[in-house]
ModelCIF file with pLDDT and N, C-alpha, C, O atoms, coordinates in Angstrom:
data_MODEL
#
_entry.id   MODEL 
#
_entity.id                         1 
_entity.type                       polymer 
_entity.pdbx_number_of_molecules   1 
#
_entity_poly.entity_id                      1 
_entity_poly.type                           'polypeptide(L)' 
_entity_poly.nstd_linkage                   no 
_entity_poly.nstd_monomer                   no 
_entity_poly.pdbx_seq_one_letter_code       
;(UNK)(UNK)(UNK)(UNK)(UNK)(UNK)(UNK)(UNK)(UNK)(UNK)(UNK)(UNK)(UNK)(UNK)(UNK)(UNK)
(UNK)(UNK)(UNK)(UNK)(UNK)(UNK)(UNK)(UNK)(UNK)(UNK)(UNK)(UNK)(UNK)(UNK)(UNK)(UNK)
(UNK)(UNK)(UNK)(UNK)(UNK)(UNK)(UNK)(UNK)(UNK)(UNK)(UNK)(UNK)(UNK)(UNK)(UNK)
;
_entity_poly.pdbx_seq_one_letter_code_can   XXXXXXXXXXXXXXXXXXXXXXXXXXXXXXXXXXXXXXXXXXXXXXX 
_entity_poly.pdbx_strand_id                 A 
#
loop_
_entity_poly_seq.entity_id 
_entity_poly_seq.num 
_entity_poly_seq.mon_id 
_entity_poly_seq.hetero 
1 1  UNK n 
1 2  UNK n 
1 3  UNK n 
1 4  UNK n 
1 5  UNK n 
1 6  UNK n 
1 7  UNK n 
1 8  UNK n 
1 9  UNK n 
1 10 UNK n 
1 11 UNK n 
1 12 UNK n 
1 13 UNK n 
1 14 UNK n 
1 15 UNK n 
1 16 UNK n 
1 17 UNK n 
1 18 UNK n 
1 19 UNK n 
1 20 UNK n 
1 21 UNK n 
1 22 UNK n 
1 23 UNK n 
1 24 UNK n 
1 25 UNK n 
1 26 UNK n 
1 27 UNK n 
1 28 UNK n 
1 29 UNK n 
1 30 UNK n 
1 31 UNK n 
1 32 UNK n 
1 33 UNK n 
1 34 UNK n 
1 35 UNK n 
1 36 UNK n 
1 37 UNK n 
1 38 UNK n 
1 39 UNK n 
1 40 UNK n 
1 41 UNK n 
1 42 UNK n 
1 43 UNK n 
1 44 UNK n 
1 45 UNK n 
1 46 UNK n 
1 47 UNK n 
#
_struct_asym.id          A 
_struct_asym.entity_id   1 
#
loop_
_ma_qa_metric.id 
_ma_qa_metric.mode 
_ma_qa_metric.name 
_ma_qa_metric.software_group_id 
_ma_qa_metric.type 
1 global pLDDT . pLDDT 
2 local  pLDDT . pLDDT 
#
_ma_qa_metric_global.metric_id      1 
_ma_qa_metric_global.metric_value   81.70 
_ma_qa_metric_global.model_id       1 
_ma_qa_metric_global.ordinal_id     1 
#
loop_
_ma_qa_metric_local.label_asym_id 
_ma_qa_metric_local.label_comp_id 
_ma_qa_metric_local.label_seq_id 
_ma_qa_metric_local.metric_id 
_ma_qa_metric_local.metric_value 
_ma_qa_metric_local.model_id 
_ma_qa_metric_local.ordinal_id 
A UNK 1  2 53.00 1 1  
A UNK 2  2 52.00 1 2  
A UNK 3  2 52.00 1 3  
A UNK 4  2 51.00 1 4  
A UNK 5  2 57.00 1 5  
A UNK 6  2 60.00 1 6  
A UNK 7  2 59.00 1 7  
A UNK 8  2 63.00 1 8  
A UNK 9  2 66.00 1 9  
A UNK 10 2 66.00 1 10 
A UNK 11 2 66.00 1 11 
A UNK 12 2 68.00 1 12 
A UNK 13 2 65.00 1 13 
A UNK 14 2 67.00 1 14 
A UNK 15 2 71.00 1 15 
A UNK 16 2 77.00 1 16 
A UNK 17 2 81.00 1 17 
A UNK 18 2 88.00 1 18 
A UNK 19 2 91.00 1 19 
A UNK 20 2 96.00 1 20 
A UNK 21 2 97.00 1 21 
A UNK 22 2 97.00 1 22 
A UNK 23 2 97.00 1 23 
A UNK 24 2 98.00 1 24 
A UNK 25 2 98.00 1 25 
A UNK 26 2 96.00 1 26 
A UNK 27 2 96.00 1 27 
A UNK 28 2 94.00 1 28 
A UNK 29 2 95.00 1 29 
A UNK 30 2 95.00 1 30 
A UNK 31 2 94.00 1 31 
A UNK 32 2 94.00 1 32 
A UNK 33 2 95.00 1 33 
A UNK 34 2 92.00 1 34 
A UNK 35 2 91.00 1 35 
A UNK 36 2 89.00 1 36 
A UNK 37 2 83.00 1 37 
A UNK 38 2 77.00 1 38 
A UNK 39 2 79.00 1 39 
A UNK 40 2 82.00 1 40 
A UNK 41 2 91.00 1 41 
A UNK 42 2 93.00 1 42 
A UNK 43 2 94.00 1 43 
A UNK 44 2 96.00 1 44 
A UNK 45 2 94.00 1 45 
A UNK 46 2 94.00 1 46 
A UNK 47 2 90.00 1 47 
#
loop_
_atom_site.group_PDB 
_atom_site.id 
_atom_site.type_symbol 
_atom_site.label_atom_id 
_atom_site.label_alt_id 
_atom_site.label_comp_id 
_atom_site.label_asym_id 
_atom_site.label_entity_id 
_atom_site.label_seq_id 
_atom_site.pdbx_PDB_ins_code 
_atom_site.Cartn_x 
_atom_site.Cartn_y 
_atom_site.Cartn_z 
_atom_site.occupancy 
_atom_site.B_iso_or_equiv 
_atom_site.pdbx_formal_charge 
_atom_site.auth_seq_id 
_atom_site.auth_comp_id 
_atom_site.auth_asym_id 
_atom_site.auth_atom_id 
_atom_site.pdbx_PDB_model_num 
ATOM 1   N N  . UNK A 1 1  ? 6.276  -27.932 -17.745 1.00 53.00 ? 1  UNK A N  1 
ATOM 2   C CA . UNK A 1 1  ? 5.904  -26.495 -18.070 1.00 53.00 ? 1  UNK A CA 1 
ATOM 3   C C  . UNK A 1 1  ? 7.094  -25.575 -17.839 1.00 53.00 ? 1  UNK A C  1 
ATOM 4   O O  . UNK A 1 1  ? 7.350  -24.666 -18.629 1.00 53.00 ? 1  UNK A O  1 
ATOM 5   N N  . UNK A 1 2  ? 7.811  -25.815 -16.766 1.00 52.00 ? 2  UNK A N  1 
ATOM 6   C CA . UNK A 1 2  ? 9.018  -25.016 -16.473 1.00 52.00 ? 2  UNK A CA 1 
ATOM 7   C C  . UNK A 1 2  ? 10.039 -25.105 -17.521 1.00 52.00 ? 2  UNK A C  1 
ATOM 8   O O  . UNK A 1 2  ? 10.673 -24.110 -17.874 1.00 52.00 ? 2  UNK A O  1 
ATOM 9   N N  . UNK A 1 3  ? 10.226 -26.334 -18.056 1.00 52.00 ? 3  UNK A N  1 
ATOM 10  C CA . UNK A 1 3  ? 11.228 -26.495 -18.971 1.00 52.00 ? 3  UNK A CA 1 
ATOM 11  C C  . UNK A 1 3  ? 10.964 -26.010 -20.397 1.00 52.00 ? 3  UNK A C  1 
ATOM 12  O O  . UNK A 1 3  ? 11.879 -25.513 -21.054 1.00 52.00 ? 3  UNK A O  1 
ATOM 13  N N  . UNK A 1 4  ? 9.761  -26.142 -20.873 1.00 51.00 ? 4  UNK A N  1 
ATOM 14  C CA . UNK A 1 4  ? 9.418  -25.973 -22.239 1.00 51.00 ? 4  UNK A CA 1 
ATOM 15  C C  . UNK A 1 4  ? 8.384  -24.881 -22.593 1.00 51.00 ? 4  UNK A C  1 
ATOM 16  O O  . UNK A 1 4  ? 8.287  -24.493 -23.757 1.00 51.00 ? 4  UNK A O  1 
ATOM 17  N N  . UNK A 1 5  ? 7.610  -24.379 -21.604 1.00 57.00 ? 5  UNK A N  1 
ATOM 18  C CA . UNK A 1 5  ? 6.516  -23.476 -21.924 1.00 57.00 ? 5  UNK A CA 1 
ATOM 19  C C  . UNK A 1 5  ? 7.019  -22.174 -22.634 1.00 57.00 ? 5  UNK A C  1 
ATOM 20  O O  . UNK A 1 5  ? 6.349  -21.658 -23.529 1.00 57.00 ? 5  UNK A O  1 
ATOM 21  N N  . UNK A 1 6  ? 8.175  -21.674 -22.229 1.00 60.00 ? 6  UNK A N  1 
ATOM 22  C CA . UNK A 1 6  ? 8.665  -20.424 -22.689 1.00 60.00 ? 6  UNK A CA 1 
ATOM 23  C C  . UNK A 1 6  ? 8.973  -20.497 -24.154 1.00 60.00 ? 6  UNK A C  1 
ATOM 24  O O  . UNK A 1 6  ? 8.903  -19.448 -24.795 1.00 60.00 ? 6  UNK A O  1 
ATOM 25  N N  . UNK A 1 7  ? 9.287  -21.554 -24.730 1.00 59.00 ? 7  UNK A N  1 
ATOM 26  C CA . UNK A 1 7  ? 9.553  -21.682 -26.114 1.00 59.00 ? 7  UNK A CA 1 
ATOM 27  C C  . UNK A 1 7  ? 8.321  -21.469 -26.969 1.00 59.00 ? 7  UNK A C  1 
ATOM 28  O O  . UNK A 1 7  ? 8.400  -20.832 -28.019 1.00 59.00 ? 7  UNK A O  1 
ATOM 29  N N  . UNK A 1 8  ? 7.131  -22.017 -26.516 1.00 63.00 ? 8  UNK A N  1 
ATOM 30  C CA . UNK A 1 8  ? 5.857  -21.845 -27.177 1.00 63.00 ? 8  UNK A CA 1 
ATOM 31  C C  . UNK A 1 8  ? 5.352  -20.427 -27.023 1.00 63.00 ? 8  UNK A C  1 
ATOM 32  O O  . UNK A 1 8  ? 4.781  -19.841 -27.942 1.00 63.00 ? 8  UNK A O  1 
ATOM 33  N N  . UNK A 1 9  ? 5.583  -19.881 -25.809 1.00 66.00 ? 9  UNK A N  1 
ATOM 34  C CA . UNK A 1 9  ? 5.053  -18.542 -25.572 1.00 66.00 ? 9  UNK A CA 1 
ATOM 35  C C  . UNK A 1 9  ? 5.789  -17.499 -26.308 1.00 66.00 ? 9  UNK A C  1 
ATOM 36  O O  . UNK A 1 9  ? 5.240  -16.417 -26.516 1.00 66.00 ? 9  UNK A O  1 
ATOM 37  N N  . UNK A 1 10 ? 7.034  -17.744 -26.735 1.00 66.00 ? 10 UNK A N  1 
ATOM 38  C CA . UNK A 1 10 ? 7.819  -16.753 -27.495 1.00 66.00 ? 10 UNK A CA 1 
ATOM 39  C C  . UNK A 1 10 ? 7.052  -16.509 -28.813 1.00 66.00 ? 10 UNK A C  1 
ATOM 40  O O  . UNK A 1 10 ? 7.054  -15.388 -29.322 1.00 66.00 ? 10 UNK A O  1 
ATOM 41  N N  . UNK A 1 11 ? 6.423  -17.505 -29.346 1.00 66.00 ? 11 UNK A N  1 
ATOM 42  C CA . UNK A 1 11 ? 5.651  -17.405 -30.590 1.00 66.00 ? 11 UNK A CA 1 
ATOM 43  C C  . UNK A 1 11 ? 4.454  -16.542 -30.327 1.00 66.00 ? 11 UNK A C  1 
ATOM 44  O O  . UNK A 1 11 ? 4.148  -15.662 -31.132 1.00 66.00 ? 11 UNK A O  1 
ATOM 45  N N  . UNK A 1 12 ? 3.762  -16.758 -29.230 1.00 68.00 ? 12 UNK A N  1 
ATOM 46  C CA . UNK A 1 12 ? 2.540  -15.946 -28.848 1.00 68.00 ? 12 UNK A CA 1 
ATOM 47  C C  . UNK A 1 12 ? 2.924  -14.537 -28.720 1.00 68.00 ? 12 UNK A C  1 
ATOM 48  O O  . UNK A 1 12 ? 2.163  -13.660 -29.128 1.00 68.00 ? 12 UNK A O  1 
ATOM 49  N N  . UNK A 1 13 ? 4.088  -14.253 -28.164 1.00 65.00 ? 13 UNK A N  1 
ATOM 50  C CA . UNK A 1 13 ? 4.606  -12.884 -28.003 1.00 65.00 ? 13 UNK A CA 1 
ATOM 51  C C  . UNK A 1 13 ? 4.512  -12.036 -29.247 1.00 65.00 ? 13 UNK A C  1 
ATOM 52  O O  . UNK A 1 13 ? 4.231  -10.839 -29.180 1.00 65.00 ? 13 UNK A O  1 
ATOM 53  N N  . UNK A 1 14 ? 4.743  -12.652 -30.363 1.00 67.00 ? 14 UNK A N  1 
ATOM 54  C CA . UNK A 1 14 ? 4.701  -11.991 -31.741 1.00 67.00 ? 14 UNK A CA 1 
ATOM 55  C C  . UNK A 1 14 ? 3.252  -11.447 -31.927 1.00 67.00 ? 14 UNK A C  1 
ATOM 56  O O  . UNK A 1 14 ? 3.085  -10.289 -32.309 1.00 67.00 ? 14 UNK A O  1 
ATOM 57  N N  . UNK A 1 15 ? 2.251  -12.239 -31.671 1.00 71.00 ? 15 UNK A N  1 
ATOM 58  C CA . UNK A 1 15 ? 0.957  -11.870 -31.923 1.00 71.00 ? 15 UNK A CA 1 
ATOM 59  C C  . UNK A 1 15 ? 0.341  -10.883 -30.878 1.00 71.00 ? 15 UNK A C  1 
ATOM 60  O O  . UNK A 1 15 ? -0.696 -10.263 -31.116 1.00 71.00 ? 15 UNK A O  1 
ATOM 61  N N  . UNK A 1 16 ? 1.039  -10.771 -29.705 1.00 77.00 ? 16 UNK A N  1 
ATOM 62  C CA . UNK A 1 16 ? 0.558  -9.887  -28.707 1.00 77.00 ? 16 UNK A CA 1 
ATOM 63  C C  . UNK A 1 16 ? 1.330  -8.601  -28.621 1.00 77.00 ? 16 UNK A C  1 
ATOM 64  O O  . UNK A 1 16 ? 1.161  -7.842  -27.667 1.00 77.00 ? 16 UNK A O  1 
ATOM 65  N N  . UNK A 1 17 ? 2.174  -8.335  -29.593 1.00 81.00 ? 17 UNK A N  1 
ATOM 66  C CA . UNK A 1 17 ? 3.028  -7.143  -29.588 1.00 81.00 ? 17 UNK A CA 1 
ATOM 67  C C  . UNK A 1 17 ? 2.143  -5.884  -29.569 1.00 81.00 ? 17 UNK A C  1 
ATOM 68  O O  . UNK A 1 17 ? 1.080  -5.852  -30.189 1.00 81.00 ? 17 UNK A O  1 
ATOM 69  N N  . UNK A 1 18 ? 2.602  -4.851  -28.846 1.00 88.00 ? 18 UNK A N  1 
ATOM 70  C CA . UNK A 1 18 ? 1.909  -3.634  -28.765 1.00 88.00 ? 18 UNK A CA 1 
ATOM 71  C C  . UNK A 1 18 ? 2.475  -2.771  -27.630 1.00 88.00 ? 18 UNK A C  1 
ATOM 72  O O  . UNK A 1 18 ? 3.578  -3.024  -27.145 1.00 88.00 ? 18 UNK A O  1 
ATOM 73  N N  . UNK A 1 19 ? 1.747  -1.793  -27.227 1.00 91.00 ? 19 UNK A N  1 
ATOM 74  C CA . UNK A 1 19 ? 2.246  -0.824  -26.147 1.00 91.00 ? 19 UNK A CA 1 
ATOM 75  C C  . UNK A 1 19 ? 1.293  -0.552  -25.039 1.00 91.00 ? 19 UNK A C  1 
ATOM 76  O O  . UNK A 1 19 ? 1.558  0.309   -24.200 1.00 91.00 ? 19 UNK A O  1 
ATOM 77  N N  . UNK A 1 20 ? 0.117  -1.297  -24.997 1.00 96.00 ? 20 UNK A N  1 
ATOM 78  C CA . UNK A 1 20 ? -0.832 -0.939  -23.989 1.00 96.00 ? 20 UNK A CA 1 
ATOM 79  C C  . UNK A 1 20 ? -0.370 -1.300  -22.592 1.00 96.00 ? 20 UNK A C  1 
ATOM 80  O O  . UNK A 1 20 ? -0.666 -0.585  -21.635 1.00 96.00 ? 20 UNK A O  1 
ATOM 81  N N  . UNK A 1 21 ? 0.358  -2.408  -22.466 1.00 97.00 ? 21 UNK A N  1 
ATOM 82  C CA . UNK A 1 21 ? 0.963  -2.832  -21.172 1.00 97.00 ? 21 UNK A CA 1 
ATOM 83  C C  . UNK A 1 21 ? 2.465  -3.113  -21.425 1.00 97.00 ? 21 UNK A C  1 
ATOM 84  O O  . UNK A 1 21 ? 2.896  -3.376  -22.547 1.00 97.00 ? 21 UNK A O  1 
ATOM 85  N N  . UNK A 1 22 ? 3.227  -3.044  -20.326 1.00 97.00 ? 22 UNK A N  1 
ATOM 86  C CA . UNK A 1 22 ? 4.621  -3.326  -20.406 1.00 97.00 ? 22 UNK A CA 1 
ATOM 87  C C  . UNK A 1 22 ? 5.003  -4.151  -19.193 1.00 97.00 ? 22 UNK A C  1 
ATOM 88  O O  . UNK A 1 22 ? 4.464  -3.952  -18.104 1.00 97.00 ? 22 UNK A O  1 
ATOM 89  N N  . UNK A 1 23 ? 5.984  -5.128  -19.389 1.00 97.00 ? 23 UNK A N  1 
ATOM 90  C CA . UNK A 1 23 ? 6.472  -5.964  -18.337 1.00 97.00 ? 23 UNK A CA 1 
ATOM 91  C C  . UNK A 1 23 ? 7.695  -5.278  -17.720 1.00 97.00 ? 23 UNK A C  1 
ATOM 92  O O  . UNK A 1 23 ? 8.686  -5.127  -18.434 1.00 97.00 ? 23 UNK A O  1 
ATOM 93  N N  . UNK A 1 24 ? 7.704  -4.854  -16.467 1.00 98.00 ? 24 UNK A N  1 
ATOM 94  C CA . UNK A 1 24 ? 8.761  -4.153  -15.831 1.00 98.00 ? 24 UNK A CA 1 
ATOM 95  C C  . UNK A 1 24 ? 9.986  -5.111  -15.486 1.00 98.00 ? 24 UNK A C  1 
ATOM 96  O O  . UNK A 1 24 ? 11.054 -4.675  -15.057 1.00 98.00 ? 24 UNK A O  1 
ATOM 97  N N  . UNK A 1 25 ? 9.739  -6.403  -15.705 1.00 98.00 ? 25 UNK A N  1 
ATOM 98  C CA . UNK A 1 25 ? 10.875 -7.417  -15.513 1.00 98.00 ? 25 UNK A CA 1 
ATOM 99  C C  . UNK A 1 25 ? 11.699 -7.458  -16.762 1.00 98.00 ? 25 UNK A C  1 
ATOM 100 O O  . UNK A 1 25 ? 12.909 -7.237  -16.710 1.00 98.00 ? 25 UNK A O  1 
ATOM 101 N N  . UNK A 1 26 ? 11.111 -7.722  -17.835 1.00 96.00 ? 26 UNK A N  1 
ATOM 102 C CA . UNK A 1 26 ? 11.866 -7.920  -19.121 1.00 96.00 ? 26 UNK A CA 1 
ATOM 103 C C  . UNK A 1 26 ? 11.849 -6.692  -19.978 1.00 96.00 ? 26 UNK A C  1 
ATOM 104 O O  . UNK A 1 26 ? 12.587 -6.646  -20.962 1.00 96.00 ? 26 UNK A O  1 
ATOM 105 N N  . UNK A 1 27 ? 11.007 -5.631  -19.654 1.00 96.00 ? 27 UNK A N  1 
ATOM 106 C CA . UNK A 1 27 ? 10.949 -4.409  -20.377 1.00 96.00 ? 27 UNK A CA 1 
ATOM 107 C C  . UNK A 1 27 ? 10.334 -4.569  -21.819 1.00 96.00 ? 27 UNK A C  1 
ATOM 108 O O  . UNK A 1 27 ? 10.652 -3.783  -22.711 1.00 96.00 ? 27 UNK A O  1 
ATOM 109 N N  . UNK A 1 28 ? 9.483  -5.560  -22.022 1.00 94.00 ? 28 UNK A N  1 
ATOM 110 C CA . UNK A 1 28 ? 8.857  -5.751  -23.287 1.00 94.00 ? 28 UNK A CA 1 
ATOM 111 C C  . UNK A 1 28 ? 7.367  -5.224  -23.198 1.00 94.00 ? 28 UNK A C  1 
ATOM 112 O O  . UNK A 1 28 ? 6.698  -5.353  -22.173 1.00 94.00 ? 28 UNK A O  1 
ATOM 113 N N  . UNK A 1 29 ? 6.908  -4.631  -24.330 1.00 95.00 ? 29 UNK A N  1 
ATOM 114 C CA . UNK A 1 29 ? 5.626  -4.108  -24.412 1.00 95.00 ? 29 UNK A CA 1 
ATOM 115 C C  . UNK A 1 29 ? 4.655  -4.989  -25.129 1.00 95.00 ? 29 UNK A C  1 
ATOM 116 O O  . UNK A 1 29 ? 5.074  -5.709  -26.036 1.00 95.00 ? 29 UNK A O  1 
ATOM 117 N N  . UNK A 1 30 ? 3.381  -4.992  -24.795 1.00 95.00 ? 30 UNK A N  1 
ATOM 118 C CA . UNK A 1 30 ? 2.354  -5.797  -25.530 1.00 95.00 ? 30 UNK A CA 1 
ATOM 119 C C  . UNK A 1 30 ? 1.015  -5.100  -25.536 1.00 95.00 ? 30 UNK A C  1 
ATOM 120 O O  . UNK A 1 30 ? 0.768  -4.214  -24.718 1.00 95.00 ? 30 UNK A O  1 
ATOM 121 N N  . UNK A 1 31 ? 0.131  -5.500  -26.471 1.00 94.00 ? 31 UNK A N  1 
ATOM 122 C CA . UNK A 1 31 ? -1.214 -4.965  -26.394 1.00 94.00 ? 31 UNK A CA 1 
ATOM 123 C C  . UNK A 1 31 ? -1.952 -5.361  -25.212 1.00 94.00 ? 31 UNK A C  1 
ATOM 124 O O  . UNK A 1 31 ? -2.768 -4.600  -24.693 1.00 94.00 ? 31 UNK A O  1 
ATOM 125 N N  . UNK A 1 32 ? -1.679 -6.621  -24.726 1.00 94.00 ? 32 UNK A N  1 
ATOM 126 C CA . UNK A 1 32 ? -2.095 -7.135  -23.441 1.00 94.00 ? 32 UNK A CA 1 
ATOM 127 C C  . UNK A 1 32 ? -1.310 -8.355  -23.171 1.00 94.00 ? 32 UNK A C  1 
ATOM 128 O O  . UNK A 1 32 ? -0.671 -8.934  -24.049 1.00 94.00 ? 32 UNK A O  1 
ATOM 129 N N  . UNK A 1 33 ? -1.373 -8.768  -21.829 1.00 95.00 ? 33 UNK A N  1 
ATOM 130 C CA . UNK A 1 33 ? -0.598 -9.952  -21.436 1.00 95.00 ? 33 UNK A CA 1 
ATOM 131 C C  . UNK A 1 33 ? -1.585 -11.179 -21.738 1.00 95.00 ? 33 UNK A C  1 
ATOM 132 O O  . UNK A 1 33 ? -2.773 -10.991 -21.999 1.00 95.00 ? 33 UNK A O  1 
ATOM 133 N N  . UNK A 1 34 ? -1.046 -12.346 -21.688 1.00 92.00 ? 34 UNK A N  1 
ATOM 134 C CA . UNK A 1 34 ? -1.768 -13.517 -21.908 1.00 92.00 ? 34 UNK A CA 1 
ATOM 135 C C  . UNK A 1 34 ? -2.644 -13.901 -20.685 1.00 92.00 ? 34 UNK A C  1 
ATOM 136 O O  . UNK A 1 34 ? -2.295 -13.551 -19.557 1.00 92.00 ? 34 UNK A O  1 
ATOM 137 N N  . UNK A 1 35 ? -3.774 -14.615 -20.893 1.00 91.00 ? 35 UNK A N  1 
ATOM 138 C CA . UNK A 1 35 ? -4.511 -15.079 -19.752 1.00 91.00 ? 35 UNK A CA 1 
ATOM 139 C C  . UNK A 1 35 ? -3.710 -16.209 -19.044 1.00 91.00 ? 35 UNK A C  1 
ATOM 140 O O  . UNK A 1 35 ? -2.874 -16.863 -19.668 1.00 91.00 ? 35 UNK A O  1 
ATOM 141 N N  . UNK A 1 36 ? -3.970 -16.417 -17.784 1.00 89.00 ? 36 UNK A N  1 
ATOM 142 C CA . UNK A 1 36 ? -3.303 -17.485 -17.066 1.00 89.00 ? 36 UNK A CA 1 
ATOM 143 C C  . UNK A 1 36 ? -4.078 -17.995 -15.824 1.00 89.00 ? 36 UNK A C  1 
ATOM 144 O O  . UNK A 1 36 ? -4.747 -17.224 -15.135 1.00 89.00 ? 36 UNK A O  1 
ATOM 145 N N  . UNK A 1 37 ? -3.974 -19.219 -15.581 1.00 83.00 ? 37 UNK A N  1 
ATOM 146 C CA . UNK A 1 37 ? -4.665 -19.789 -14.426 1.00 83.00 ? 37 UNK A CA 1 
ATOM 147 C C  . UNK A 1 37 ? -5.553 -20.930 -14.703 1.00 83.00 ? 37 UNK A C  1 
ATOM 148 O O  . UNK A 1 37 ? -6.015 -21.086 -15.833 1.00 83.00 ? 37 UNK A O  1 
ATOM 149 N N  . UNK A 1 38 ? -5.836 -21.791 -13.671 1.00 77.00 ? 38 UNK A N  1 
ATOM 150 C CA . UNK A 1 38 ? -6.799 -22.866 -13.848 1.00 77.00 ? 38 UNK A CA 1 
ATOM 151 C C  . UNK A 1 38 ? -8.160 -22.242 -14.216 1.00 77.00 ? 38 UNK A C  1 
ATOM 152 O O  . UNK A 1 38 ? -8.832 -22.758 -15.110 1.00 77.00 ? 38 UNK A O  1 
ATOM 153 N N  . UNK A 1 39 ? -8.580 -21.167 -13.567 1.00 79.00 ? 39 UNK A N  1 
ATOM 154 C CA . UNK A 1 39 ? -9.621 -20.353 -14.131 1.00 79.00 ? 39 UNK A CA 1 
ATOM 155 C C  . UNK A 1 39 ? -8.905 -19.099 -14.574 1.00 79.00 ? 39 UNK A C  1 
ATOM 156 O O  . UNK A 1 39 ? -8.503 -18.258 -13.769 1.00 79.00 ? 39 UNK A O  1 
ATOM 157 N N  . UNK A 1 40 ? -8.759 -19.003 -15.889 1.00 82.00 ? 40 UNK A N  1 
ATOM 158 C CA . UNK A 1 40 ? -7.823 -18.068 -16.468 1.00 82.00 ? 40 UNK A CA 1 
ATOM 159 C C  . UNK A 1 40 ? -8.156 -16.662 -16.112 1.00 82.00 ? 40 UNK A C  1 
ATOM 160 O O  . UNK A 1 40 ? -9.303 -16.226 -16.219 1.00 82.00 ? 40 UNK A O  1 
ATOM 161 N N  . UNK A 1 41 ? -7.077 -15.900 -15.657 1.00 91.00 ? 41 UNK A N  1 
ATOM 162 C CA . UNK A 1 41 ? -7.187 -14.463 -15.385 1.00 91.00 ? 41 UNK A CA 1 
ATOM 163 C C  . UNK A 1 41 ? -6.746 -13.782 -16.621 1.00 91.00 ? 41 UNK A C  1 
ATOM 164 O O  . UNK A 1 41 ? -5.726 -14.136 -17.212 1.00 91.00 ? 41 UNK A O  1 
ATOM 165 N N  . UNK A 1 42 ? -7.535 -12.762 -17.041 1.00 93.00 ? 42 UNK A N  1 
ATOM 166 C CA . UNK A 1 42 ? -7.095 -11.951 -18.169 1.00 93.00 ? 42 UNK A CA 1 
ATOM 167 C C  . UNK A 1 42 ? -5.897 -11.141 -17.852 1.00 93.00 ? 42 UNK A C  1 
ATOM 168 O O  . UNK A 1 42 ? -5.684 -10.779 -16.695 1.00 93.00 ? 42 UNK A O  1 
ATOM 169 N N  . UNK A 1 43 ? -5.055 -10.823 -18.896 1.00 94.00 ? 43 UNK A N  1 
ATOM 170 C CA . UNK A 1 43 ? -3.985 -9.861  -18.738 1.00 94.00 ? 43 UNK A CA 1 
ATOM 171 C C  . UNK A 1 43 ? -3.101 -10.165 -17.668 1.00 94.00 ? 43 UNK A C  1 
ATOM 172 O O  . UNK A 1 43 ? -2.856 -9.319  -16.809 1.00 94.00 ? 43 UNK A O  1 
ATOM 173 N N  . UNK A 1 44 ? -2.537 -11.454 -17.645 1.00 96.00 ? 44 UNK A N  1 
ATOM 174 C CA . UNK A 1 44 ? -1.780 -11.911 -16.551 1.00 96.00 ? 44 UNK A CA 1 
ATOM 175 C C  . UNK A 1 44 ? -0.269 -12.241 -16.923 1.00 96.00 ? 44 UNK A C  1 
ATOM 176 O O  . UNK A 1 44 ? 0.649  -11.701 -16.306 1.00 96.00 ? 44 UNK A O  1 
ATOM 177 N N  . UNK A 1 45 ? -0.062 -13.065 -17.861 1.00 94.00 ? 45 UNK A N  1 
ATOM 178 C CA . UNK A 1 45 ? 1.238  -13.663 -18.090 1.00 94.00 ? 45 UNK A CA 1 
ATOM 179 C C  . UNK A 1 45 ? 1.963  -12.924 -19.219 1.00 94.00 ? 45 UNK A C  1 
ATOM 180 O O  . UNK A 1 45 ? 1.445  -12.737 -20.320 1.00 94.00 ? 45 UNK A O  1 
ATOM 181 N N  . UNK A 1 46 ? 3.207  -12.511 -18.878 1.00 94.00 ? 46 UNK A N  1 
ATOM 182 C CA . UNK A 1 46 ? 4.105  -12.011 -19.919 1.00 94.00 ? 46 UNK A CA 1 
ATOM 183 C C  . UNK A 1 46 ? 4.593  -13.086 -20.754 1.00 94.00 ? 46 UNK A C  1 
ATOM 184 O O  . UNK A 1 46 ? 5.253  -14.000 -20.260 1.00 94.00 ? 46 UNK A O  1 
ATOM 185 N N  . UNK A 1 47 ? 4.279  -13.035 -22.131 1.00 90.00 ? 47 UNK A N  1 
ATOM 186 C CA . UNK A 1 47 ? 4.802  -14.130 -23.047 1.00 90.00 ? 47 UNK A CA 1 
ATOM 187 C C  . UNK A 1 47 ? 6.204  -14.158 -23.308 1.00 90.00 ? 47 UNK A C  1 
ATOM 188 O O  . UNK A 1 47 ? 6.677  -15.025 -24.043 1.00 90.00 ? 47 UNK A O  1 
#
């Protein structure tokens, strides 16, 4: 996951583009963040 997941999530970032939320680490905006977790939390992961 550490090695390869970011390649696949870059594609997801295209479909989540927007301005509702922004990542203060990479300074990218999205309509929402991706869900994440074994019991997935909404609006969690910056793609």
